Amino acid sequence: MTTQEIEDQIVEEFALFDDWMDKYNHIIENGKSLNLIDPKYKDNNHLISGCQSKVWLHAGYRDGKIFFEGDSDAVITRGMVNLLIRVLNNQTPDAILEARLDFVDKIGLKEHLSPTRSNGLMSMIKQIRLYAMAYKAKEASKTQP
C-alpha cells in the first residue's frame, strides 16, 4: 500500500466517530497494536526530544525499505506513534520524504492536541524524516564510485 492509501484508510476510520472522546479512545486502542521497540533501543539515543511524554523510535533498513518500532510512556502518544508508523513503515526513504501526512489535519488531531503534544508530534515526524534522509544518503553513497 502507498502512504496515501494508508492515510486515506486512517481518515475513513476516524470519520466513524463524531465525538472527540471516541477519537481519543481510538488513538489509545491504536497504540495497543504498536510494534513495540526492542528494549535495547529504549535509551537516550532513541528518545525523541521535544515531546511532553517519553517517546522512543528506532528505524531499521532492509531491501530498500525502512522499518520502524517505537514506544511511549503515555497511551495517547503511543497511539500517535502507531498512526505514524502505520503510514510510514515498510516504505522507501523517498516515499517517506514525499508523504504528505495530511491525515493529521484531516482527522483533526493537531487541533485537538495540547501545544506541547502537537510539538511532540512534529518532533516525531521530523525524526522519521531524518531517518529516511540518512538511509537515502547511505544508499546513494553505496552506488557512487
C-alpha atoms as a PDB file:
ATOM      1  CA  MET A   1       0.000   0.000   0.000  1.00  0.00           C
ATOM      2  CA  THR A   2       1.141   3.529  -0.649  1.00  0.00           C
ATOM      3  CA  THR A   3       1.438   6.061   2.144  1.00  0.00           C
ATOM      4  CA  GLN A   4      -1.554   7.948   0.718  1.00  0.00           C
ATOM      5  CA  GLU A   5      -3.727   4.823   0.689  1.00  0.00           C
ATOM      6  CA  ILE A   6      -2.889   4.169   4.336  1.00  0.00           C
ATOM      7  CA  GLU A   7      -3.564   7.809   5.219  1.00  0.00           C
ATOM      8  CA  ASP A   8      -6.955   7.599   3.482  1.00  0.00           C
ATOM      9  CA  GLN A   9      -7.726   4.437   5.442  1.00  0.00           C
ATOM     10  CA  ILE A  10      -6.966   6.230   8.726  1.00  0.00           C
ATOM     11  CA  VAL A  11      -9.165   9.195   7.735  1.00  0.00           C
ATOM     12  CA  GLU A  12     -12.033   6.758   6.986  1.00  0.00           C
ATOM     13  CA  GLU A  13     -11.566   5.086  10.391  1.00  0.00           C
ATOM     14  CA  PHE A  14     -11.765   8.395  12.230  1.00  0.00           C
ATOM     15  CA  ALA A  15     -14.790   9.502  10.206  1.00  0.00           C
ATOM     16  CA  LEU A  16     -16.775   6.805  12.010  1.00  0.00           C
ATOM     17  CA  PHE A  17     -16.514   8.805  15.251  1.00  0.00           C
ATOM     18  CA  ASP A  18     -18.446  12.021  15.878  1.00  0.00           C
ATOM     19  CA  ASP A  19     -17.161  12.727  19.361  1.00  0.00           C
ATOM     20  CA  TRP A  20     -13.542  13.564  20.162  1.00  0.00           C
ATOM     21  CA  MET A  21     -13.565  11.333  23.235  1.00  0.00           C
ATOM     22  CA  ASP A  22     -14.311   8.416  20.903  1.00  0.00           C
ATOM     23  CA  LYS A  23     -11.468   9.532  18.641  1.00  0.00           C
ATOM     24  CA  TYR A  24      -9.079   9.698  21.614  1.00  0.00           C
ATOM     25  CA  ASN A  25     -10.159   6.184  22.583  1.00  0.00           C
ATOM     26  CA  HIS A  26      -9.478   5.038  19.019  1.00  0.00           C
ATOM     27  CA  ILE A  27      -5.990   6.566  19.203  1.00  0.00           C
ATOM     28  CA  ILE A  28      -5.392   4.753  22.506  1.00  0.00           C
ATOM     29  CA  GLU A  29      -6.630   1.461  21.001  1.00  0.00           C
ATOM     30  CA  ASN A  30      -4.279   2.002  18.038  1.00  0.00           C
ATOM     31  CA  GLY A  31      -1.413   2.298  20.470  1.00  0.00           C
ATOM     32  CA  LYS A  32      -2.134  -1.176  21.796  1.00  0.00           C
ATOM     33  CA  SER A  33      -1.220  -2.665  18.408  1.00  0.00           C
ATOM     34  CA  LEU A  34       2.076  -0.776  18.178  1.00  0.00           C
ATOM     35  CA  ASN A  35       5.089  -2.895  17.251  1.00  0.00           C
ATOM     36  CA  LEU A  36       6.941  -2.098  20.462  1.00  0.00           C
ATOM     37  CA  ILE A  37      10.558  -1.124  20.323  1.00  0.00           C
ATOM     38  CA  ASP A  38      13.166  -3.655  21.352  1.00  0.00           C
ATOM     39  CA  PRO A  39      14.105  -2.764  24.960  1.00  0.00           C
ATOM     40  CA  LYS A  40      17.752  -2.283  23.932  1.00  0.00           C
ATOM     41  CA  TYR A  41      16.631   0.795  21.932  1.00  0.00           C
ATOM     42  CA  LYS A  42      14.768   2.362  24.863  1.00  0.00           C
ATOM     43  CA  ASP A  43      17.713   4.621  25.560  1.00  0.00           C
ATOM     44  CA  ASN A  44      18.616   8.282  25.219  1.00  0.00           C
ATOM     45  CA  ASN A  45      19.909   7.765  21.651  1.00  0.00           C
ATOM     46  CA  HIS A  46      16.404   6.811  20.508  1.00  0.00           C
ATOM     47  CA  LEU A  47      14.487   9.236  22.709  1.00  0.00           C
ATOM     48  CA  ILE A  48      12.768  11.979  20.711  1.00  0.00           C
ATOM     49  CA  SER A  49      13.332  15.418  22.152  1.00  0.00           C
ATOM     50  CA  GLY A  50      10.522  17.957  22.093  1.00  0.00           C
ATOM     51  CA  CYS A  51       7.847  15.541  23.304  1.00  0.00           C
ATOM     52  CA  GLN A  52       5.899  16.059  26.506  1.00  0.00           C
ATOM     53  CA  SER A  53       5.980  12.297  27.076  1.00  0.00           C
ATOM     54  CA  LYS A  54       8.887   9.971  26.564  1.00  0.00           C
ATOM     55  CA  VAL A  55       8.908   8.636  23.005  1.00  0.00           C
ATOM     56  CA  TRP A  56      11.452   6.206  21.625  1.00  0.00           C
ATOM     57  CA  LEU A  57      11.802   5.486  17.923  1.00  0.00           C
ATOM     58  CA  HIS A  58      14.131   3.099  16.135  1.00  0.00           C
ATOM     59  CA  ALA A  59      14.471   2.515  12.409  1.00  0.00           C
ATOM     60  CA  GLY A  60      15.985  -0.361  10.503  1.00  0.00           C
ATOM     61  CA  TYR A  61      16.678  -0.680   6.806  1.00  0.00           C
ATOM     62  CA  ARG A  62      16.192  -3.785   4.689  1.00  0.00           C
ATOM     63  CA  ASP A  63      15.723  -4.333   0.962  1.00  0.00           C
ATOM     64  CA  GLY A  64      15.383  -0.611   0.267  1.00  0.00           C
ATOM     65  CA  LYS A  65      12.659  -0.054   2.859  1.00  0.00           C
ATOM     66  CA  ILE A  66      12.622   1.409   6.347  1.00  0.00           C
ATOM     67  CA  PHE A  67      11.049  -0.391   9.277  1.00  0.00           C
ATOM     68  CA  PHE A  68      10.080   1.403  12.459  1.00  0.00           C
ATOM     69  CA  GLU A  69       9.406   0.394  16.011  1.00  0.00           C
ATOM     70  CA  GLY A  70       8.550   2.729  18.835  1.00  0.00           C
ATOM     71  CA  ASP A  71       7.044   3.224  22.241  1.00  0.00           C
ATOM     72  CA  SER A  72       5.896   5.912  24.635  1.00  0.00           C
ATOM     73  CA  ASP A  73       5.172   6.128  28.327  1.00  0.00           C
ATOM     74  CA  ALA A  74       1.802   7.798  27.555  1.00  0.00           C
ATOM     75  CA  VAL A  75      -1.126   5.949  25.975  1.00  0.00           C
ATOM     76  CA  ILE A  76      -2.284   8.742  23.651  1.00  0.00           C
ATOM     77  CA  THR A  77       1.259   9.398  22.489  1.00  0.00           C
ATOM     78  CA  ARG A  78       1.797   5.665  21.900  1.00  0.00           C
ATOM     79  CA  GLY A  79      -1.295   5.759  19.671  1.00  0.00           C
ATOM     80  CA  MET A  80       0.041   8.755  17.748  1.00  0.00           C
ATOM     81  CA  VAL A  81       3.366   6.964  17.233  1.00  0.00           C
ATOM     82  CA  ASN A  82       1.476   3.946  15.932  1.00  0.00           C
ATOM     83  CA  LEU A  83      -0.520   6.043  13.456  1.00  0.00           C
ATOM     84  CA  LEU A  84       2.713   7.473  12.024  1.00  0.00           C
ATOM     85  CA  ILE A  85       4.323   4.049  11.895  1.00  0.00           C
ATOM     86  CA  ARG A  86       1.249   2.581  10.164  1.00  0.00           C
ATOM     87  CA  VAL A  87       1.652   5.121   7.375  1.00  0.00           C
ATOM     88  CA  LEU A  88       5.430   5.135   7.052  1.00  0.00           C
ATOM     89  CA  ASN A  89       6.553   1.626   7.994  1.00  0.00           C
ATOM     90  CA  ASN A  90       7.870  -0.627   5.236  1.00  0.00           C
ATOM     91  CA  GLN A  91       8.217   2.297   2.820  1.00  0.00           C
ATOM     92  CA  THR A  92      11.182   3.544   0.817  1.00  0.00           C
ATOM     93  CA  PRO A  93      13.069   6.618   2.018  1.00  0.00           C
ATOM     94  CA  ASP A  94      11.644   8.600  -0.928  1.00  0.00           C
ATOM     95  CA  ALA A  95       8.069   7.572  -0.104  1.00  0.00           C
ATOM     96  CA  ILE A  96       8.594   8.689   3.499  1.00  0.00           C
ATOM     97  CA  LEU A  97      10.088  12.013   2.457  1.00  0.00           C
ATOM     98  CA  GLU A  98       7.271  12.629  -0.047  1.00  0.00           C
ATOM     99  CA  ALA A  99       4.430  11.575   2.282  1.00  0.00           C
ATOM    100  CA  ARG A 100       2.057  14.466   2.870  1.00  0.00           C
ATOM    101  CA  LEU A 101       0.854  13.219   6.258  1.00  0.00           C
ATOM    102  CA  ASP A 102      -2.228  15.379   5.834  1.00  0.00           C
ATOM    103  CA  PHE A 103      -4.268  12.742   7.677  1.00  0.00           C
ATOM    104  CA  VAL A 104      -3.139  14.521  10.862  1.00  0.00           C
ATOM    105  CA  ASP A 105      -5.108  17.616   9.850  1.00  0.00           C
ATOM    106  CA  LYS A 106      -7.958  15.708   8.179  1.00  0.00           C
ATOM    107  CA  ILE A 107      -8.804  13.791  11.340  1.00  0.00           C
ATOM    108  CA  GLY A 108      -8.460  16.985  13.411  1.00  0.00           C
ATOM    109  CA  LEU A 109      -5.665  15.585  15.525  1.00  0.00           C
ATOM    110  CA  LYS A 110      -3.443  18.649  15.519  1.00  0.00           C
ATOM    111  CA  GLU A 111      -6.217  20.994  16.637  1.00  0.00           C
ATOM    112  CA  HIS A 112      -7.246  18.678  19.494  1.00  0.00           C
ATOM    113  CA  LEU A 113      -3.777  18.264  20.957  1.00  0.00           C
ATOM    114  CA  SER A 114      -2.223  20.489  23.570  1.00  0.00           C
ATOM    115  CA  PRO A 115       0.557  22.701  22.158  1.00  0.00           C
ATOM    116  CA  THR A 116       3.218  20.507  23.788  1.00  0.00           C
ATOM    117  CA  ARG A 117       1.712  17.296  22.348  1.00  0.00           C
ATOM    118  CA  SER A 118       1.410  18.963  18.939  1.00  0.00           C
ATOM    119  CA  ASN A 119       5.097  19.924  19.120  1.00  0.00           C
ATOM    120  CA  GLY A 120       5.879  16.347  20.090  1.00  0.00           C
ATOM    121  CA  LEU A 121       4.005  15.038  17.061  1.00  0.00           C
ATOM    122  CA  MET A 122       6.011  17.353  14.819  1.00  0.00           C
ATOM    123  CA  SER A 123       9.214  16.136  16.508  1.00  0.00           C
ATOM    124  CA  MET A 124       8.241  12.521  15.769  1.00  0.00           C
ATOM    125  CA  ILE A 125       7.622  13.350  12.109  1.00  0.00           C
ATOM    126  CA  LYS A 126      10.915  15.217  11.911  1.00  0.00           C
ATOM    127  CA  GLN A 127      12.823  12.257  13.389  1.00  0.00           C
ATOM    128  CA  ILE A 128      11.177   9.798  10.993  1.00  0.00           C
ATOM    129  CA  ARG A 129      12.134  12.008   8.047  1.00  0.00           C
ATOM    130  CA  LEU A 130      15.694  12.312   9.373  1.00  0.00           C
ATOM    131  CA  TYR A 131      15.937   8.518   9.390  1.00  0.00           C
ATOM    132  CA  ALA A 132      14.672   8.485   5.787  1.00  0.00           C
ATOM    133  CA  MET A 133      17.236  11.098   4.717  1.00  0.00           C
ATOM    134  CA  ALA A 134      20.044   9.191   6.438  1.00  0.00           C
ATOM    135  CA  TYR A 135      19.144   5.861   4.813  1.00  0.00           C
ATOM    136  CA  LYS A 136      18.714   7.544   1.434  1.00  0.00           C
ATOM    137  CA  ALA A 137      22.163   9.153   1.719  1.00  0.00           C
ATOM    138  CA  LYS A 138      23.705   5.874   2.880  1.00  0.00           C
ATOM    139  CA  GLU A 139      22.183   4.025  -0.102  1.00  0.00           C
ATOM    140  CA  ALA A 140      23.347   6.755  -2.525  1.00  0.00           C
ATOM    141  CA  SER A 141      26.887   6.549  -1.179  1.00  0.00           C
ATOM    142  CA  LYS A 142      26.992   2.817  -1.986  1.00  0.00           C
ATOM    143  CA  THR A 143      26.244   3.447  -5.657  1.00  0.00           C
ATOM    144  CA  GLN A 144      28.798   6.212  -6.136  1.00  0.00           C
ATOM    145  CA  PRO A 145      32.278   5.177  -7.266  1.00  0.00           C
END
